Amino acid sequence: MLSRHRTNVAASLLAAALLAAGCGTAAGDDAASNPPSTVDPTTTTTQTPESPTTAPPTTPTTTTLPPTTTTLPPTTTTTTTLPPTTATLPPTTTTTTQPPTTTTTTKPSVTHTVTTEEYAMSPGTLVIKAGDTVRWTNVGNMDHDITSGVDPTPDGGWASPTFAPGESWSRTFDTPGTYDYFCSLHPYLMPGRIVVEP
């Protein structure tokens, strides 16, 4: 045991000497000012062997993370309700203009007879209504005619052709008034008059 201790001391001294030789001038200055200590060979230095370091057992660490819960905000659906569109059309006014109704009452036509005799009209004056017809019939033995005007002057209003015994001639009077006439074949002898009332 002592022999091993000495060997260790000698090795330590040798290492110190080599270290001092390698440091150069600065080391020499330090060696001159601080001479190496003399180890007493009789002094026993006991080095305590290093005790092995036992690391504490590693305890596995388990980290439990809390569950992550992601809460999404509720989705809000916005419904826009448009008011109903009501198209109001203006009322259609149809104006039908009917022409004025004119009612014409047609009276039945009445035919009146005047006979032409020898040098006379019968009746000499005849009263009728507007729209009536006068028929002259020759009942004599001579020819006659009917000419408008005061005997013996024609006024150019109207005149019949000559009609022989047994023949007739007619004219309708639509306008109220007094109409004189005569036979132009026998002037001053056969005057006549028609009075037309409304």
N, C-alpha and C. Protein backbone atom coordinates (compact mmCIF):
# COMPACT_ATOMS: atom_id res chain seq x y z
N MET A 1 0.82 -1.20 0.00
CA MET A 1 0.00 0.00 0.00
C MET A 1 0.85 1.23 0.00
N LEU A 2 1.91 1.26 0.79
CA LEU A 2 2.84 2.38 0.86
C LEU A 2 3.60 2.53 -0.42
N SER A 3 3.98 1.42 -0.98
CA SER A 3 4.71 1.46 -2.25
C SER A 3 3.87 2.09 -3.35
N ARG A 4 2.57 1.80 -3.41
CA ARG A 4 1.70 2.40 -4.44
C ARG A 4 1.56 3.87 -4.19
N HIS A 5 1.53 4.31 -2.98
CA HIS A 5 1.40 5.71 -2.66
C HIS A 5 2.61 6.47 -3.13
N ARG A 6 3.75 5.90 -2.93
CA ARG A 6 4.98 6.56 -3.35
C ARG A 6 5.05 6.67 -4.86
N THR A 7 4.64 5.64 -5.48
CA THR A 7 4.64 5.69 -6.95
C THR A 7 3.76 6.81 -7.44
N ASN A 8 2.67 7.00 -6.82
CA ASN A 8 1.74 8.08 -7.21
C ASN A 8 2.35 9.44 -6.98
N VAL A 9 3.10 9.57 -5.91
CA VAL A 9 3.71 10.86 -5.59
C VAL A 9 4.78 11.17 -6.62
N ALA A 10 5.54 10.18 -6.96
CA ALA A 10 6.61 10.39 -7.94
C ALA A 10 6.03 10.78 -9.29
N ALA A 11 4.97 10.13 -9.65
CA ALA A 11 4.32 10.51 -10.93
C ALA A 11 3.81 11.90 -10.90
N SER A 12 3.32 12.34 -9.78
CA SER A 12 2.81 13.71 -9.67
C SER A 12 3.92 14.71 -9.79
N LEU A 13 5.07 14.44 -9.19
CA LEU A 13 6.21 15.34 -9.26
C LEU A 13 6.73 15.44 -10.68
N LEU A 14 6.80 14.35 -11.35
CA LEU A 14 7.27 14.35 -12.73
C LEU A 14 6.35 15.16 -13.63
N ALA A 15 5.10 15.01 -13.44
CA ALA A 15 4.15 15.78 -14.25
C ALA A 15 4.25 17.24 -13.99
N ALA A 16 4.52 17.61 -12.74
CA ALA A 16 4.65 19.02 -12.41
C ALA A 16 5.89 19.61 -13.03
N ALA A 17 6.98 18.80 -13.05
CA ALA A 17 8.21 19.30 -13.65
C ALA A 17 8.06 19.52 -15.14
N LEU A 18 7.40 18.61 -15.79
CA LEU A 18 7.20 18.76 -17.23
C LEU A 18 6.32 19.97 -17.54
N LEU A 19 5.37 20.21 -16.75
CA LEU A 19 4.47 21.36 -16.96
C LEU A 19 5.21 22.66 -16.77
N ALA A 20 6.12 22.69 -15.80
CA ALA A 20 6.87 23.91 -15.54
C ALA A 20 7.86 24.17 -16.65
N ALA A 21 8.42 23.14 -17.22
CA ALA A 21 9.38 23.33 -18.29
C ALA A 21 8.70 23.83 -19.55
N GLY A 22 7.45 23.46 -19.77
CA GLY A 22 6.76 23.88 -21.01
C GLY A 22 6.18 25.26 -20.92
N CYS A 23 6.11 25.94 -19.88
CA CYS A 23 5.44 27.24 -19.78
C CYS A 23 6.35 28.37 -20.17
N GLY A 24 7.67 28.22 -20.40
CA GLY A 24 8.55 29.27 -20.89
C GLY A 24 9.02 30.17 -19.77
N THR A 25 9.31 31.41 -20.18
CA THR A 25 9.90 32.39 -19.29
C THR A 25 8.99 32.75 -18.16
N ALA A 26 7.74 32.87 -18.52
CA ALA A 26 6.78 33.26 -17.48
C ALA A 26 6.70 32.21 -16.43
N ALA A 27 6.78 30.93 -16.89
CA ALA A 27 6.74 29.85 -15.93
C ALA A 27 8.01 29.83 -15.10
N GLY A 28 9.18 30.17 -15.77
CA GLY A 28 10.43 30.21 -15.03
C GLY A 28 10.43 31.26 -13.97
N ASP A 29 9.84 32.48 -14.37
CA ASP A 29 9.74 33.54 -13.37
C ASP A 29 8.90 33.12 -12.22
N ASP A 30 7.82 32.43 -12.55
CA ASP A 30 6.95 31.99 -11.46
C ASP A 30 7.65 30.96 -10.61
N ALA A 31 8.53 30.10 -11.28
CA ALA A 31 9.23 29.07 -10.52
C ALA A 31 10.29 29.65 -9.63
N ALA A 32 10.94 30.77 -10.14
CA ALA A 32 11.97 31.41 -9.34
C ALA A 32 11.38 32.07 -8.12
N SER A 33 10.22 32.74 -8.33
CA SER A 33 9.61 33.43 -7.20
C SER A 33 8.90 32.49 -6.29
N ASN A 34 8.43 31.36 -6.85
CA ASN A 34 7.71 30.38 -6.05
C ASN A 34 8.37 29.03 -6.26
N PRO A 35 9.37 28.71 -5.50
CA PRO A 35 10.05 27.43 -5.71
C PRO A 35 9.10 26.31 -5.38
N PRO A 36 9.29 25.19 -6.02
CA PRO A 36 8.41 24.05 -5.78
C PRO A 36 8.59 23.54 -4.37
N SER A 37 7.54 23.09 -3.88
CA SER A 37 7.53 22.57 -2.51
C SER A 37 8.17 21.21 -2.49
N THR A 38 8.83 20.97 -1.42
CA THR A 38 9.50 19.68 -1.26
C THR A 38 8.57 18.75 -0.54
N VAL A 39 8.35 17.66 -1.16
CA VAL A 39 7.43 16.69 -0.58
C VAL A 39 8.22 15.79 0.33
N ASP A 40 7.72 15.72 1.46
CA ASP A 40 8.37 14.84 2.45
C ASP A 40 7.99 13.42 2.11
N PRO A 41 9.00 12.65 1.83
CA PRO A 41 8.68 11.28 1.45
C PRO A 41 8.09 10.49 2.58
N THR A 42 8.26 11.03 3.73
CA THR A 42 7.71 10.28 4.87
C THR A 42 6.26 10.57 5.09
N THR A 43 5.84 11.64 4.38
CA THR A 43 4.43 12.02 4.56
C THR A 43 3.58 11.20 3.61
N THR A 44 2.61 10.63 4.20
CA THR A 44 1.72 9.76 3.39
C THR A 44 0.47 10.53 3.04
N THR A 45 0.24 10.65 1.76
CA THR A 45 -0.99 11.32 1.28
C THR A 45 -1.94 10.26 0.82
N THR A 46 -3.03 10.29 1.44
CA THR A 46 -4.04 9.27 1.10
C THR A 46 -5.14 9.93 0.27
N GLN A 47 -5.31 9.42 -0.92
CA GLN A 47 -6.40 9.95 -1.79
C GLN A 47 -7.63 9.09 -1.62
N THR A 48 -8.60 9.77 -1.40
CA THR A 48 -9.87 9.06 -1.23
C THR A 48 -10.44 8.73 -2.60
N PRO A 49 -10.63 7.51 -2.81
CA PRO A 49 -11.20 7.17 -4.16
C PRO A 49 -12.57 7.82 -4.35
N GLU A 50 -12.73 8.24 -5.58
CA GLU A 50 -14.00 8.91 -5.90
C GLU A 50 -15.13 7.92 -5.86
N SER A 51 -16.09 8.35 -5.18
CA SER A 51 -17.29 7.50 -5.11
C SER A 51 -18.11 7.64 -6.39
N PRO A 52 -18.52 6.55 -6.88
CA PRO A 52 -19.33 6.65 -8.13
C PRO A 52 -20.63 7.41 -7.85
N THR A 53 -20.95 8.29 -8.79
CA THR A 53 -22.18 9.10 -8.65
C THR A 53 -23.34 8.33 -9.23
N THR A 54 -24.25 8.12 -8.36
CA THR A 54 -25.45 7.38 -8.81
C THR A 54 -26.54 8.37 -9.13
N ALA A 55 -26.88 8.45 -10.40
CA ALA A 55 -27.95 9.39 -10.80
C ALA A 55 -29.28 8.88 -10.30
N PRO A 56 -30.05 9.78 -9.84
CA PRO A 56 -31.38 9.35 -9.38
C PRO A 56 -32.16 8.76 -10.55
N PRO A 57 -32.94 7.82 -10.19
CA PRO A 57 -33.72 7.22 -11.30
C PRO A 57 -34.60 8.27 -12.01
N THR A 58 -34.61 8.13 -13.33
CA THR A 58 -35.41 9.09 -14.14
C THR A 58 -36.87 8.69 -14.12
N THR A 59 -37.61 9.62 -13.66
CA THR A 59 -39.06 9.35 -13.61
C THR A 59 -39.69 9.93 -14.88
N PRO A 60 -40.26 9.07 -15.67
CA PRO A 60 -40.88 9.62 -16.92
C PRO A 60 -42.03 10.58 -16.56
N THR A 61 -41.94 11.70 -17.20
CA THR A 61 -42.96 12.74 -16.96
C THR A 61 -44.02 12.65 -18.04
N THR A 62 -45.20 12.46 -17.60
CA THR A 62 -46.33 12.39 -18.55
C THR A 62 -47.16 13.67 -18.44
N THR A 63 -47.19 14.41 -19.52
CA THR A 63 -47.96 15.67 -19.53
C THR A 63 -49.30 15.42 -20.20
N THR A 64 -50.29 15.56 -19.44
CA THR A 64 -51.64 15.34 -19.99
C THR A 64 -52.24 16.68 -20.37
N LEU A 65 -52.38 16.89 -21.64
CA LEU A 65 -52.96 18.15 -22.12
C LEU A 65 -54.48 18.05 -22.03
N PRO A 66 -55.07 19.10 -21.60
CA PRO A 66 -56.55 19.06 -21.57
C PRO A 66 -57.09 18.98 -23.00
N PRO A 67 -58.20 18.31 -23.17
CA PRO A 67 -58.77 18.23 -24.54
C PRO A 67 -59.14 19.61 -25.05
N THR A 68 -58.76 19.82 -26.27
CA THR A 68 -59.06 21.13 -26.89
C THR A 68 -60.43 21.07 -27.54
N THR A 69 -61.26 21.90 -27.09
CA THR A 69 -62.62 21.94 -27.65
C THR A 69 -62.79 23.27 -28.37
N THR A 70 -63.00 23.19 -29.65
CA THR A 70 -63.22 24.42 -30.43
C THR A 70 -64.72 24.61 -30.61
N THR A 71 -65.21 25.66 -30.05
CA THR A 71 -66.65 25.95 -30.15
C THR A 71 -66.87 27.03 -31.20
N LEU A 72 -67.49 26.64 -32.29
CA LEU A 72 -67.77 27.61 -33.34
C LEU A 72 -69.01 28.41 -32.97
N PRO A 73 -68.99 29.67 -33.27
CA PRO A 73 -70.20 30.46 -32.97
C PRO A 73 -71.36 29.96 -33.82
N PRO A 74 -72.54 30.03 -33.28
CA PRO A 74 -73.70 29.55 -34.07
C PRO A 74 -73.86 30.36 -35.35
N THR A 75 -74.21 29.65 -36.40
CA THR A 75 -74.42 30.31 -37.70
C THR A 75 -75.83 30.88 -37.73
N THR A 76 -75.89 32.15 -37.98
CA THR A 76 -77.19 32.83 -38.04
C THR A 76 -77.55 33.06 -39.49
N THR A 77 -78.66 32.50 -39.90
CA THR A 77 -79.14 32.69 -41.28
C THR A 77 -80.14 33.85 -41.30
N THR A 78 -79.78 34.86 -42.04
CA THR A 78 -80.65 36.04 -42.13
C THR A 78 -81.56 35.91 -43.34
N THR A 79 -82.83 35.89 -43.10
CA THR A 79 -83.81 35.79 -44.20
C THR A 79 -84.45 37.16 -44.38
N THR A 80 -84.27 37.71 -45.55
CA THR A 80 -84.86 39.01 -45.86
C THR A 80 -86.15 38.79 -46.63
N THR A 81 -87.22 39.19 -46.04
CA THR A 81 -88.53 39.03 -46.69
C THR A 81 -88.91 40.34 -47.34
N LEU A 82 -88.98 40.32 -48.65
CA LEU A 82 -89.38 41.52 -49.39
C LEU A 82 -90.88 41.64 -49.38
N PRO A 83 -91.37 42.84 -49.25
CA PRO A 83 -92.83 42.98 -49.28
C PRO A 83 -93.36 42.61 -50.66
N PRO A 84 -94.53 42.03 -50.71
CA PRO A 84 -95.09 41.68 -52.03
C PRO A 84 -95.29 42.91 -52.89
N THR A 85 -94.95 42.74 -54.15
CA THR A 85 -95.11 43.85 -55.09
C THR A 85 -96.49 43.77 -55.71
N THR A 86 -97.22 44.80 -55.49
CA THR A 86 -98.58 44.85 -56.04
C THR A 86 -98.61 45.93 -57.10
N ALA A 87 -98.86 45.50 -58.32
CA ALA A 87 -98.98 46.46 -59.42
C ALA A 87 -100.45 46.80 -59.60
N THR A 88 -100.75 48.04 -59.34
CA THR A 88 -102.13 48.48 -59.47
C THR A 88 -102.27 49.18 -60.80
N LEU A 89 -102.99 48.56 -61.67
CA LEU A 89 -103.22 49.16 -62.98
C LEU A 89 -104.40 50.12 -62.87
N PRO A 90 -104.30 51.22 -63.57
CA PRO A 90 -105.43 52.15 -63.52
C PRO A 90 -106.65 51.51 -64.17
N PRO A 91 -107.79 51.81 -63.65
CA PRO A 91 -109.00 51.21 -64.25
C PRO A 91 -109.16 51.64 -65.70
N THR A 92 -109.52 50.69 -66.47
CA THR A 92 -109.72 50.96 -67.89
C THR A 92 -111.15 51.44 -68.10
N THR A 93 -111.23 52.60 -68.63
CA THR A 93 -112.55 53.18 -68.89
C THR A 93 -112.78 53.17 -70.38
N THR A 94 -113.77 52.45 -70.78
CA THR A 94 -114.12 52.38 -72.19
C THR A 94 -115.36 53.22 -72.41
N THR A 95 -115.18 54.24 -73.18
CA THR A 95 -116.29 55.13 -73.47
C THR A 95 -116.77 54.86 -74.89
N THR A 96 -117.93 54.40 -74.96
CA THR A 96 -118.51 54.12 -76.28
C THR A 96 -119.53 55.21 -76.58
N THR A 97 -119.21 55.94 -77.59
CA THR A 97 -120.11 57.01 -77.98
C THR A 97 -120.98 56.51 -79.12
N GLN A 98 -122.21 56.37 -78.81
CA GLN A 98 -123.13 55.92 -79.84
C GLN A 98 -123.74 57.13 -80.53
N PRO A 99 -123.91 57.02 -81.79
CA PRO A 99 -124.54 58.14 -82.49
C PRO A 99 -125.98 58.31 -82.00
N PRO A 100 -126.41 59.53 -82.00
CA PRO A 100 -127.80 59.74 -81.56
C PRO A 100 -128.77 58.96 -82.43
N THR A 101 -129.72 58.39 -81.76
CA THR A 101 -130.72 57.59 -82.49
C THR A 101 -131.84 58.49 -82.96
N THR A 102 -131.98 58.48 -84.23
CA THR A 102 -133.06 59.28 -84.82
C THR A 102 -134.17 58.33 -85.26
N THR A 103 -135.29 58.52 -84.64
CA THR A 103 -136.42 57.66 -84.97
C THR A 103 -137.32 58.40 -85.95
N THR A 104 -137.39 57.84 -87.08
CA THR A 104 -138.25 58.44 -88.12
C THR A 104 -139.51 57.60 -88.24
N THR A 105 -140.57 58.24 -87.92
CA THR A 105 -141.85 57.54 -88.01
C THR A 105 -142.45 57.83 -89.38
N THR A 106 -142.53 56.79 -90.13
CA THR A 106 -143.08 56.93 -91.48
C THR A 106 -144.59 56.64 -91.43
N LYS A 107 -145.30 57.66 -91.72
CA LYS A 107 -146.75 57.45 -91.74
C LYS A 107 -147.11 56.70 -93.01
N PRO A 108 -148.08 55.90 -92.90
CA PRO A 108 -148.52 55.20 -94.13
C PRO A 108 -148.99 56.21 -95.16
N SER A 109 -148.53 55.98 -96.36
CA SER A 109 -148.91 56.90 -97.44
C SER A 109 -150.37 56.68 -97.83
N VAL A 110 -151.03 57.80 -97.91
CA VAL A 110 -152.45 57.74 -98.30
C VAL A 110 -152.57 58.30 -99.71
N THR A 111 -153.28 57.59 -100.54
CA THR A 111 -153.48 58.04 -101.92
C THR A 111 -154.89 58.62 -102.07
N HIS A 112 -154.90 59.84 -102.56
CA HIS A 112 -156.18 60.54 -102.77
C HIS A 112 -156.44 60.62 -104.28
N THR A 113 -157.71 60.57 -104.67
CA THR A 113 -158.06 60.57 -106.10
C THR A 113 -158.81 61.85 -106.46
N VAL A 114 -158.35 62.45 -107.59
CA VAL A 114 -159.04 63.61 -108.18
C VAL A 114 -159.41 63.20 -109.61
N THR A 115 -160.67 63.38 -109.97
CA THR A 115 -161.10 63.01 -111.33
C THR A 115 -161.11 64.26 -112.21
N THR A 116 -160.69 64.03 -113.45
CA THR A 116 -160.75 65.10 -114.44
C THR A 116 -161.95 64.81 -115.36
N GLU A 117 -162.95 65.66 -115.21
CA GLU A 117 -164.17 65.47 -116.00
C GLU A 117 -164.16 66.51 -117.13
N GLU A 118 -165.25 66.61 -117.81
CA GLU A 118 -165.33 67.59 -118.88
C GLU A 118 -165.30 68.99 -118.27
N TYR A 119 -164.18 69.66 -118.40
CA TYR A 119 -163.97 71.03 -118.00
C TYR A 119 -164.09 71.25 -116.48
N ALA A 120 -163.71 70.23 -115.68
CA ALA A 120 -163.76 70.40 -114.22
C ALA A 120 -162.83 69.40 -113.52
N MET A 121 -162.34 69.83 -112.33
CA MET A 121 -161.58 68.96 -111.42
C MET A 121 -162.48 68.65 -110.23
N SER A 122 -162.52 67.39 -109.79
CA SER A 122 -163.40 67.04 -108.69
C SER A 122 -162.62 66.15 -107.70
N PRO A 123 -162.43 66.65 -106.46
CA PRO A 123 -162.84 67.96 -105.94
C PRO A 123 -161.91 69.06 -106.44
N GLY A 124 -162.42 70.28 -106.45
CA GLY A 124 -161.59 71.39 -106.91
C GLY A 124 -160.48 71.71 -105.91
N THR A 125 -160.74 71.53 -104.58
CA THR A 125 -159.72 71.76 -103.54
C THR A 125 -159.62 70.49 -102.69
N LEU A 126 -158.40 69.98 -102.52
CA LEU A 126 -158.18 68.75 -101.77
C LEU A 126 -157.18 69.03 -100.64
N VAL A 127 -157.55 68.64 -99.41
CA VAL A 127 -156.67 68.82 -98.24
C VAL A 127 -156.08 67.45 -97.89
N ILE A 128 -154.73 67.39 -97.81
CA ILE A 128 -154.05 66.12 -97.51
C ILE A 128 -152.97 66.38 -96.45
N LYS A 129 -152.23 65.31 -96.03
CA LYS A 129 -151.10 65.42 -95.11
C LYS A 129 -149.80 65.27 -95.88
N ALA A 130 -148.75 65.84 -95.31
CA ALA A 130 -147.44 65.72 -95.95
C ALA A 130 -147.10 64.24 -96.10
N GLY A 131 -146.65 63.86 -97.28
CA GLY A 131 -146.34 62.47 -97.57
C GLY A 131 -147.44 61.74 -98.30
N ASP A 132 -148.62 62.38 -98.41
CA ASP A 132 -149.71 61.72 -99.14
C ASP A 132 -149.52 61.89 -100.64
N THR A 133 -150.24 61.04 -101.37
CA THR A 133 -150.14 61.02 -102.84
C THR A 133 -151.51 61.38 -103.42
N VAL A 134 -151.46 62.16 -104.52
CA VAL A 134 -152.69 62.53 -105.24
C VAL A 134 -152.63 61.88 -106.62
N ARG A 135 -153.69 61.15 -106.97
CA ARG A 135 -153.78 60.51 -108.28
C ARG A 135 -154.91 61.20 -109.07
N TRP A 136 -154.56 61.70 -110.28
CA TRP A 136 -155.56 62.30 -111.17
C TRP A 136 -155.97 61.24 -112.20
N THR A 137 -157.27 61.01 -112.32
CA THR A 137 -157.79 60.00 -113.25
C THR A 137 -158.72 60.67 -114.26
N ASN A 138 -158.45 60.40 -115.54
CA ASN A 138 -159.28 61.01 -116.61
C ASN A 138 -160.52 60.15 -116.82
N VAL A 139 -161.63 60.71 -116.41
CA VAL A 139 -162.91 59.98 -116.58
C VAL A 139 -163.77 60.62 -117.68
N GLY A 140 -163.19 61.61 -118.37
CA GLY A 140 -163.98 62.28 -119.44
C GLY A 140 -163.72 61.64 -120.79
N ASN A 141 -164.06 62.44 -121.83
CA ASN A 141 -163.91 61.97 -123.20
C ASN A 141 -162.79 62.70 -123.94
N MET A 142 -162.06 63.58 -123.20
CA MET A 142 -161.00 64.37 -123.85
C MET A 142 -159.67 64.16 -123.08
N ASP A 143 -158.60 64.54 -123.76
CA ASP A 143 -157.28 64.46 -123.10
C ASP A 143 -157.14 65.63 -122.12
N HIS A 144 -156.34 65.40 -121.09
CA HIS A 144 -156.07 66.44 -120.10
C HIS A 144 -154.61 66.35 -119.64
N ASP A 145 -154.17 67.36 -118.89
CA ASP A 145 -152.86 67.33 -118.21
C ASP A 145 -153.01 68.10 -116.90
N ILE A 146 -151.95 68.02 -116.05
CA ILE A 146 -151.94 68.73 -114.77
C ILE A 146 -150.66 69.57 -114.74
N THR A 147 -150.84 70.91 -114.63
CA THR A 147 -149.72 71.85 -114.65
C THR A 147 -149.82 72.74 -113.42
N SER A 148 -148.67 72.92 -112.69
CA SER A 148 -148.70 73.75 -111.49
C SER A 148 -148.72 75.22 -111.88
N GLY A 149 -149.43 76.01 -111.08
CA GLY A 149 -149.55 77.44 -111.32
C GLY A 149 -151.00 77.87 -111.20
N VAL A 150 -151.18 79.18 -111.23
CA VAL A 150 -152.53 79.74 -111.17
C VAL A 150 -153.04 79.89 -112.60
N ASP A 151 -154.17 79.25 -112.87
CA ASP A 151 -154.76 79.25 -114.22
C ASP A 151 -154.91 80.68 -114.75
N PRO A 152 -154.37 80.96 -115.89
CA PRO A 152 -153.77 80.10 -116.91
C PRO A 152 -152.26 80.19 -116.98
N THR A 153 -151.53 80.59 -115.86
CA THR A 153 -150.08 80.83 -115.94
C THR A 153 -149.31 79.74 -115.19
N PRO A 154 -148.49 78.94 -115.88
CA PRO A 154 -147.69 77.92 -115.20
C PRO A 154 -146.59 78.60 -114.39
N ASP A 155 -146.22 77.97 -113.25
CA ASP A 155 -145.12 78.51 -112.43
C ASP A 155 -143.85 77.67 -112.56
N GLY A 156 -143.89 76.61 -113.39
CA GLY A 156 -142.70 75.80 -113.64
C GLY A 156 -142.38 74.82 -112.53
N GLY A 157 -143.28 74.64 -111.57
CA GLY A 157 -142.98 73.70 -110.49
C GLY A 157 -143.02 72.26 -110.94
N TRP A 158 -144.11 71.86 -111.60
CA TRP A 158 -144.23 70.50 -112.08
C TRP A 158 -145.35 70.45 -113.11
N ALA A 159 -145.34 69.45 -113.97
CA ALA A 159 -146.36 69.29 -115.01
C ALA A 159 -146.38 67.83 -115.42
N SER A 160 -147.58 67.35 -115.71
CA SER A 160 -147.73 65.95 -116.11
C SER A 160 -147.76 65.86 -117.63
N PRO A 161 -147.51 64.68 -118.15
CA PRO A 161 -147.74 64.50 -119.59
C PRO A 161 -149.25 64.45 -119.87
N THR A 162 -149.65 64.55 -121.09
CA THR A 162 -151.07 64.44 -121.44
C THR A 162 -151.52 63.00 -121.25
N PHE A 163 -152.62 62.81 -120.56
CA PHE A 163 -153.14 61.45 -120.37
C PHE A 163 -154.56 61.37 -120.92
N ALA A 164 -154.83 60.32 -121.65
CA ALA A 164 -156.10 60.12 -122.38
C ALA A 164 -157.19 59.62 -121.43
N PRO A 165 -158.43 59.57 -121.91
CA PRO A 165 -159.52 59.05 -121.09
C PRO A 165 -159.19 57.64 -120.59
N GLY A 166 -159.44 57.42 -119.30
CA GLY A 166 -159.15 56.13 -118.67
C GLY A 166 -157.74 56.03 -118.08
N GLU A 167 -156.86 57.00 -118.36
CA GLU A 167 -155.50 56.97 -117.83
C GLU A 167 -155.39 57.84 -116.55
N SER A 168 -154.31 57.66 -115.83
CA SER A 168 -154.11 58.38 -114.57
C SER A 168 -152.66 58.90 -114.46
N TRP A 169 -152.49 59.87 -113.59
CA TRP A 169 -151.13 60.37 -113.26
C TRP A 169 -151.10 60.73 -111.78
N SER A 170 -149.97 60.42 -111.09
CA SER A 170 -149.89 60.62 -109.63
C SER A 170 -148.68 61.46 -109.23
N ARG A 171 -148.81 62.14 -108.12
CA ARG A 171 -147.69 62.92 -107.55
C ARG A 171 -147.82 62.91 -106.03
N THR A 172 -146.65 62.76 -105.30
CA THR A 172 -146.62 62.75 -103.83
C THR A 172 -146.16 64.12 -103.35
N PHE A 173 -146.84 64.64 -102.34
CA PHE A 173 -146.54 65.96 -101.79
C PHE A 173 -145.93 65.77 -100.38
N ASP A 174 -144.64 66.06 -100.26
CA ASP A 174 -143.93 65.87 -98.98
C ASP A 174 -143.83 67.16 -98.16
N THR A 175 -143.91 68.30 -98.80
CA THR A 175 -143.71 69.57 -98.11
C THR A 175 -145.04 70.25 -97.90
N PRO A 176 -145.33 70.61 -96.64
CA PRO A 176 -146.60 71.32 -96.40
C PRO A 176 -146.67 72.63 -97.19
N GLY A 177 -147.85 73.00 -97.60
CA GLY A 177 -148.06 74.24 -98.37
C GLY A 177 -149.31 74.16 -99.21
N THR A 178 -149.55 75.22 -100.01
CA THR A 178 -150.71 75.29 -100.90
C THR A 178 -150.21 75.27 -102.33
N TYR A 179 -150.74 74.34 -103.10
CA TYR A 179 -150.29 74.15 -104.47
C TYR A 179 -151.49 74.33 -105.42
N ASP A 180 -151.42 75.38 -106.28
CA ASP A 180 -152.46 75.60 -107.32
C ASP A 180 -152.03 74.89 -108.59
N TYR A 181 -153.02 74.43 -109.38
CA TYR A 181 -152.73 73.75 -110.64
C TYR A 181 -153.94 73.94 -111.58
N PHE A 182 -153.75 73.54 -112.84
CA PHE A 182 -154.83 73.62 -113.83
C PHE A 182 -154.50 72.73 -115.00
N CYS A 183 -155.48 72.59 -115.95
CA CYS A 183 -155.25 71.84 -117.18
C CYS A 183 -154.86 72.84 -118.25
N SER A 184 -153.61 72.70 -118.74
CA SER A 184 -153.13 73.67 -119.74
C SER A 184 -153.81 73.48 -121.08
N LEU A 185 -154.49 72.33 -121.29
CA LEU A 185 -155.21 72.13 -122.55
C LEU A 185 -156.57 72.85 -122.55
N HIS A 186 -157.04 73.19 -121.37
CA HIS A 186 -158.32 73.89 -121.25
C HIS A 186 -158.18 75.03 -120.24
N PRO A 187 -157.44 76.08 -120.58
CA PRO A 187 -157.24 77.17 -119.63
C PRO A 187 -158.56 77.88 -119.29
N TYR A 188 -158.56 78.45 -118.09
CA TYR A 188 -159.69 79.16 -117.51
C TYR A 188 -160.88 78.25 -117.20
N LEU A 189 -160.76 76.99 -117.49
CA LEU A 189 -161.93 76.13 -117.32
C LEU A 189 -161.71 75.06 -116.21
N MET A 190 -160.46 74.66 -115.95
CA MET A 190 -160.23 73.52 -115.05
C MET A 190 -159.15 73.83 -114.00
N PRO A 191 -159.41 74.82 -113.12
CA PRO A 191 -158.42 75.08 -112.04
C PRO A 191 -158.59 74.07 -110.90
N GLY A 192 -157.55 73.94 -110.08
CA GLY A 192 -157.62 73.06 -108.91
C GLY A 192 -156.60 73.52 -107.84
N ARG A 193 -156.76 72.98 -106.61
CA ARG A 193 -155.84 73.39 -105.52
C ARG A 193 -155.62 72.18 -104.57
N ILE A 194 -154.35 72.01 -104.14
CA ILE A 194 -153.98 70.99 -103.15
C ILE A 194 -153.41 71.70 -101.94
N VAL A 195 -153.99 71.43 -100.76
CA VAL A 195 -153.50 72.01 -99.51
C VAL A 195 -152.84 70.86 -98.70
N VAL A 196 -151.52 71.01 -98.44
CA VAL A 196 -150.77 69.97 -97.72
C VAL A 196 -150.51 70.45 -96.31
N GLU A 197 -150.98 69.69 -95.35
CA GLU A 197 -150.77 70.00 -93.94
C GLU A 197 -149.63 69.15 -93.35
N PRO A 198 -148.99 69.63 -92.30
CA PRO A 198 -147.91 68.85 -91.72
C PRO A 198 -148.42 67.54 -91.16
